[in-house]
Amino acid sequence: MNTYEITYIISPKTVDEDRDKLNGELEEKISALEGKIERASAALRRQLSYPIAKERAGFLRTINVLIAPEKIADIHDWLKRNAGVLRFTILNTPPREAINADMIREMLTTDKKALVPKATKKAEEKKVTMEDVEKGIEDVLTEEVK
C-alpha cells in the first residue's frame, strides 16, 4: 500500500448537490478499491492562475489516500472520464509521521543551545545592570548636539 495525494479541480458551473455527489462517488470508488482515506479537505472555491476549459475559477479539493499502486490507475481513469473535473493530479507521497508531545519534548531537551538565537547568547554573556543603564542615559543627555 502506498500513500497518494489526489488533488482535483471541479468546474464552478457544478451545483452544490452535484459537487457533493462527485466527491462522494470518488470516496466510494476509493473504498471499493480497498483504499483508505487518511485525510480529505473540503472543496474550496479558488481563483485559477490561468483559464482551464475557459473557466477562471474552480473548486479545489485534496484527498490523502492509502491504496495499492496497481489500483490507482482506476482512480485516474475515473477522474479523467468525469465531466465535472477540470484538472487533477495524483502524487505518490511518503507517509508522514505525526508529531506528538514526546517528539517535541525530546527535541527541546537534546540540544537547547541550538534553539537559542546568537543574539540572545551574546546578551546572556554580558549582564546589564541598572547602573549601566543610568550611566548610558546620562551620557546621551549630556552629549552636545551638533
Protein backbone atom coordinates (compact mmCIF):
# COMPACT_ATOMS: atom_id res chain seq x y z
CA MET A 1 0.00 0.00 0.00
CA ASN A 2 1.29 3.45 -0.96
CA THR A 3 0.22 6.89 0.14
CA TYR A 4 -1.13 9.16 -2.60
CA GLU A 5 -2.28 12.76 -2.65
CA ILE A 6 -5.13 13.33 -5.09
CA THR A 7 -5.86 16.97 -5.91
CA TYR A 8 -8.59 17.90 -8.33
CA ILE A 9 -10.45 20.98 -9.54
CA ILE A 10 -14.21 20.82 -10.02
CA SER A 11 -15.94 23.10 -12.52
CA PRO A 12 -17.52 26.19 -10.92
CA LYS A 13 -20.65 25.57 -13.00
CA THR A 14 -21.31 22.41 -10.99
CA VAL A 15 -24.11 22.95 -8.46
CA ASP A 16 -23.57 22.14 -4.77
CA GLU A 17 -25.53 18.86 -4.87
CA ASP A 18 -23.63 17.58 -7.90
CA ARG A 19 -20.30 18.62 -6.38
CA ASP A 20 -21.12 16.73 -3.16
CA LYS A 21 -22.23 13.74 -5.26
CA LEU A 22 -18.96 13.78 -7.23
CA ASN A 23 -16.90 13.93 -4.01
CA GLY A 24 -18.96 11.10 -2.51
CA GLU A 25 -18.60 8.94 -5.62
CA LEU A 26 -14.82 9.38 -5.57
CA GLU A 27 -14.69 8.38 -1.90
CA GLU A 28 -16.88 5.34 -2.65
CA LYS A 29 -14.60 4.41 -5.58
CA ILE A 30 -11.56 4.56 -3.26
CA SER A 31 -13.33 2.38 -0.67
CA ALA A 32 -14.43 -0.09 -3.36
CA LEU A 33 -10.79 -0.43 -4.42
CA GLU A 34 -9.87 -1.29 -0.80
CA GLY A 35 -8.25 2.08 -0.26
CA LYS A 36 -8.30 4.09 2.94
CA ILE A 37 -8.85 7.86 3.05
CA GLU A 38 -6.42 9.29 5.58
CA ARG A 39 -7.36 12.96 5.20
CA ALA A 40 -9.74 14.90 2.98
CA SER A 41 -10.23 18.63 2.64
CA ALA A 42 -13.43 20.43 1.78
CA ALA A 43 -13.90 21.63 -1.80
CA LEU A 44 -12.98 25.31 -1.63
CA ARG A 45 -13.59 27.84 -4.38
CA ARG A 46 -10.30 29.17 -5.77
CA GLN A 47 -9.35 31.65 -8.46
CA LEU A 48 -7.23 29.88 -11.09
CA SER A 49 -3.88 31.26 -12.25
CA TYR A 50 -4.82 30.59 -15.85
CA PRO A 51 -8.05 29.51 -17.56
CA ILE A 52 -8.83 25.80 -17.72
CA ALA A 53 -11.54 24.89 -20.22
CA LYS A 54 -12.38 28.63 -20.36
CA GLU A 55 -13.01 28.70 -16.60
CA ARG A 56 -11.25 31.28 -14.39
CA ALA A 57 -12.28 29.67 -11.06
CA GLY A 58 -12.93 26.21 -9.68
CA PHE A 59 -13.44 24.17 -6.53
CA LEU A 60 -10.16 22.66 -5.30
CA ARG A 61 -10.10 19.52 -3.16
CA THR A 62 -7.26 17.35 -1.86
CA ILE A 63 -7.53 13.79 -0.54
CA ASN A 64 -4.73 11.74 1.02
CA VAL A 65 -5.27 8.04 0.27
CA LEU A 66 -3.59 4.79 1.26
CA ILE A 67 -4.11 2.34 -1.64
CA ALA A 68 -2.34 -0.37 -3.61
CA PRO A 69 -0.26 1.01 -6.53
CA GLU A 70 -1.97 -1.16 -9.15
CA LYS A 71 -5.40 0.26 -8.22
CA ILE A 72 -4.50 3.94 -8.55
CA ALA A 73 -4.93 3.67 -12.34
CA ASP A 74 -8.66 3.02 -11.82
CA ILE A 75 -8.98 6.27 -9.87
CA HIS A 76 -7.00 8.08 -12.58
CA ASP A 77 -9.37 6.75 -15.26
CA TRP A 78 -12.46 7.66 -13.21
CA LEU A 79 -11.27 11.25 -12.71
CA LYS A 80 -10.35 11.53 -16.40
CA ARG A 81 -13.81 10.38 -17.55
CA ASN A 82 -15.73 12.59 -15.11
CA ALA A 83 -17.01 15.72 -16.90
CA GLY A 84 -17.17 17.79 -13.69
CA VAL A 85 -13.41 17.52 -13.09
CA LEU A 86 -11.43 20.22 -14.91
CA ARG A 87 -7.95 19.05 -13.91
CA PHE A 88 -6.40 16.59 -11.45
CA THR A 89 -3.08 15.31 -10.23
CA ILE A 90 -2.13 12.19 -8.31
CA LEU A 91 1.15 12.25 -6.39
CA ASN A 92 2.85 9.33 -4.68
CA THR A 93 3.82 10.84 -1.32
CA PRO A 94 5.88 9.39 1.50
CA PRO A 95 3.92 8.54 4.63
CA ARG A 96 4.01 11.41 7.09
CA GLU A 97 4.77 10.85 10.72
CA ALA A 98 2.52 12.76 13.09
CA ILE A 99 4.34 14.94 15.58
CA ASN A 100 3.41 14.23 19.16
CA ALA A 101 4.29 15.80 22.51
CA ASP A 102 7.07 13.27 23.20
CA MET A 103 8.88 14.18 19.97
CA ILE A 104 8.73 17.89 20.79
CA ARG A 105 9.94 17.29 24.34
CA GLU A 106 12.86 15.21 23.02
CA MET A 107 13.88 17.94 20.55
CA LEU A 108 13.80 20.57 23.27
CA THR A 109 15.84 18.56 25.77
CA THR A 110 18.53 17.24 23.40
CA ASP A 111 20.19 20.48 22.33
CA LYS A 112 18.80 23.58 23.99
CA LYS A 113 21.72 25.75 22.84
CA ALA A 114 20.90 25.08 19.19
CA LEU A 115 17.43 26.57 19.66
CA VAL A 116 18.70 29.86 21.17
CA PRO A 117 19.49 32.60 18.63
CA LYS A 118 23.04 34.00 18.62
CA ALA A 119 21.89 37.49 19.67
CA THR A 120 20.33 36.01 22.80
CA LYS A 121 23.53 34.10 23.59
CA LYS A 122 25.55 37.36 23.50
CA ALA A 123 23.01 39.10 25.72
CA GLU A 124 23.34 36.33 28.28
CA GLU A 125 27.13 36.67 28.33
CA LYS A 126 27.09 40.38 29.29
CA LYS A 127 24.75 41.23 32.15
CA VAL A 128 23.48 44.81 32.14
CA THR A 129 22.83 46.46 35.48
CA MET A 130 20.68 49.47 36.30
CA GLU A 131 23.83 51.48 36.94
CA ASP A 132 24.95 50.83 33.35
CA VAL A 133 21.56 51.95 32.04
CA GLU A 134 21.59 55.14 34.14
CA LYS A 135 25.14 55.95 33.02
CA GLY A 136 24.14 55.46 29.37
CA ILE A 137 21.12 57.74 29.73
CA GLU A 138 23.24 60.37 31.47
CA ASP A 139 25.85 60.22 28.68
CA VAL A 140 23.18 60.67 25.99
CA LEU A 141 21.55 63.61 27.79
CA THR A 142 24.82 65.44 28.41
CA GLU A 143 26.16 64.92 24.90
CA GLU A 144 26.34 68.12 22.83
CA VAL A 145 24.01 68.39 19.93
CA LYS A 146 25.89 69.25 16.75
